[in-house]
Amino acid sequence: MTKSLHRIKSLAILFKSGELGMVTAEYAVTTVAACGFAGMLYKLLSSESIAKLIGDLMRRALSSFLF
C-alpha cells in the first residue's frame, strides 16, 4: 500500500511539473538517432573500399597470428 501511494505521489509531482511525457520523447529521439547511425554504418561498411580495407586488415592480422 505504501509503494502505490509513493508511486501516485511521484506521478502527481511529474504531472504538475509538466515533464510527464519527457521520457517518451527522449526515447523517440534516441531511437531515431540510433536508426540514423545504424543506416550510416551500414552504408559505410557495405561500400567496396571499406570492405577491402577490412579484408586486408583481417588478412594481415591472421597471417601474422598463424605464422
C-alpha atoms as a PDB file:
ATOM      1  CA  MET A   1       0.000   0.000   0.000  1.00  0.00           C
ATOM      2  CA  THR A   2       2.835   2.386   0.812  1.00  0.00           C
ATOM      3  CA  LYS A   3       4.541   1.677  -2.533  1.00  0.00           C
ATOM      4  CA  SER A   4       1.442   2.553  -4.523  1.00  0.00           C
ATOM      5  CA  LEU A   5       0.920   5.775  -2.560  1.00  0.00           C
ATOM      6  CA  HIS A   6       4.535   6.736  -3.183  1.00  0.00           C
ATOM      7  CA  ARG A   7       4.089   5.992  -6.906  1.00  0.00           C
ATOM      8  CA  ILE A   8       0.926   8.097  -7.105  1.00  0.00           C
ATOM      9  CA  LYS A   9       2.687  10.953  -5.347  1.00  0.00           C
ATOM     10  CA  SER A  10       5.633  10.722  -7.752  1.00  0.00           C
ATOM     11  CA  LEU A  11       3.328  10.737 -10.773  1.00  0.00           C
ATOM     12  CA  ALA A  12       1.442  13.730  -9.366  1.00  0.00           C
ATOM     13  CA  ILE A  13       4.722  15.639  -8.985  1.00  0.00           C
ATOM     14  CA  LEU A  14       5.732  14.767 -12.566  1.00  0.00           C
ATOM     15  CA  PHE A  15       2.325  15.771 -13.904  1.00  0.00           C
ATOM     16  CA  LYS A  16       2.422  19.052 -12.017  1.00  0.00           C
ATOM     17  CA  SER A  17       5.915  19.864 -13.285  1.00  0.00           C
ATOM     18  CA  GLY A  18       4.925  19.191 -16.909  1.00  0.00           C
ATOM     19  CA  GLU A  19       7.615  16.556 -17.514  1.00  0.00           C
ATOM     20  CA  LEU A  20       5.358  13.508 -17.707  1.00  0.00           C
ATOM     21  CA  GLY A  21       5.914  12.919 -21.445  1.00  0.00           C
ATOM     22  CA  MET A  22       9.610  13.735 -21.468  1.00  0.00           C
ATOM     23  CA  VAL A  23      10.764  10.152 -21.107  1.00  0.00           C
ATOM     24  CA  THR A  24       8.748   9.068 -24.149  1.00  0.00           C
ATOM     25  CA  ALA A  25      10.099  11.967 -26.217  1.00  0.00           C
ATOM     26  CA  GLU A  26      13.660  11.173 -25.177  1.00  0.00           C
ATOM     27  CA  TYR A  27      13.225   7.527 -26.164  1.00  0.00           C
ATOM     28  CA  ALA A  28      11.809   8.597 -29.526  1.00  0.00           C
ATOM     29  CA  VAL A  29      14.711  10.945 -30.253  1.00  0.00           C
ATOM     30  CA  THR A  30      17.237   8.310 -29.171  1.00  0.00           C
ATOM     31  CA  THR A  31      15.573   5.668 -31.359  1.00  0.00           C
ATOM     32  CA  VAL A  32      15.618   7.936 -34.410  1.00  0.00           C
ATOM     33  CA  ALA A  33      19.277   8.825 -33.777  1.00  0.00           C
ATOM     34  CA  ALA A  34      20.202   5.150 -33.368  1.00  0.00           C
ATOM     35  CA  CYS A  35      18.437   4.245 -36.623  1.00  0.00           C
ATOM     36  CA  GLY A  36      20.246   7.036 -38.445  1.00  0.00           C
ATOM     37  CA  PHE A  37      23.576   5.918 -37.029  1.00  0.00           C
ATOM     38  CA  ALA A  38      22.856   2.295 -37.998  1.00  0.00           C
ATOM     39  CA  GLY A  39      21.958   3.367 -41.537  1.00  0.00           C
ATOM     40  CA  MET A  40      25.162   5.373 -41.823  1.00  0.00           C
ATOM     41  CA  LEU A  41      27.255   2.437 -40.564  1.00  0.00           C
ATOM     42  CA  TYR A  42      25.526   0.064 -42.988  1.00  0.00           C
ATOM     43  CA  LYS A  43      26.246   2.351 -45.929  1.00  0.00           C
ATOM     44  CA  LEU A  44      29.838   2.845 -44.830  1.00  0.00           C
ATOM     45  CA  LEU A  45      30.598  -0.813 -44.145  1.00  0.00           C
ATOM     46  CA  SER A  46      28.872  -2.074 -47.285  1.00  0.00           C
ATOM     47  CA  SER A  47      30.994   0.157 -49.522  1.00  0.00           C
ATOM     48  CA  GLU A  48      33.602  -1.661 -51.580  1.00  0.00           C
ATOM     49  CA  SER A  49      36.600   0.355 -50.372  1.00  0.00           C
ATOM     50  CA  ILE A  50      35.818  -0.205 -46.683  1.00  0.00           C
ATOM     51  CA  ALA A  51      35.162  -3.920 -47.280  1.00  0.00           C
ATOM     52  CA  LYS A  52      38.557  -4.183 -48.997  1.00  0.00           C
ATOM     53  CA  LEU A  53      40.223  -2.284 -46.138  1.00  0.00           C
ATOM     54  CA  ILE A  54      38.672  -4.557 -43.506  1.00  0.00           C
ATOM     55  CA  GLY A  55      39.542  -7.651 -45.542  1.00  0.00           C
ATOM     56  CA  ASP A  56      43.179  -6.566 -45.859  1.00  0.00           C
ATOM     57  CA  LEU A  57      43.329  -5.765 -42.161  1.00  0.00           C
ATOM     58  CA  MET A  58      41.921  -9.179 -41.211  1.00  0.00           C
ATOM     59  CA  ARG A  59      44.254 -10.953 -43.642  1.00  0.00           C
ATOM     60  CA  ARG A  60      47.297  -9.177 -42.156  1.00  0.00           C
ATOM     61  CA  ALA A  61      46.180  -9.888 -38.596  1.00  0.00           C
ATOM     62  CA  LEU A  62      45.521 -13.572 -39.274  1.00  0.00           C
ATOM     63  CA  SER A  63      48.702 -14.102 -41.289  1.00  0.00           C
ATOM     64  CA  SER A  64      50.861 -12.658 -38.510  1.00  0.00           C
ATOM     65  CA  PHE A  65      48.970 -14.745 -35.950  1.00  0.00           C
ATOM     66  CA  LEU A  66      49.261 -18.029 -37.869  1.00  0.00           C
ATOM     67  CA  PHE A  67      52.891 -17.679 -38.990  1.00  0.00           C
END
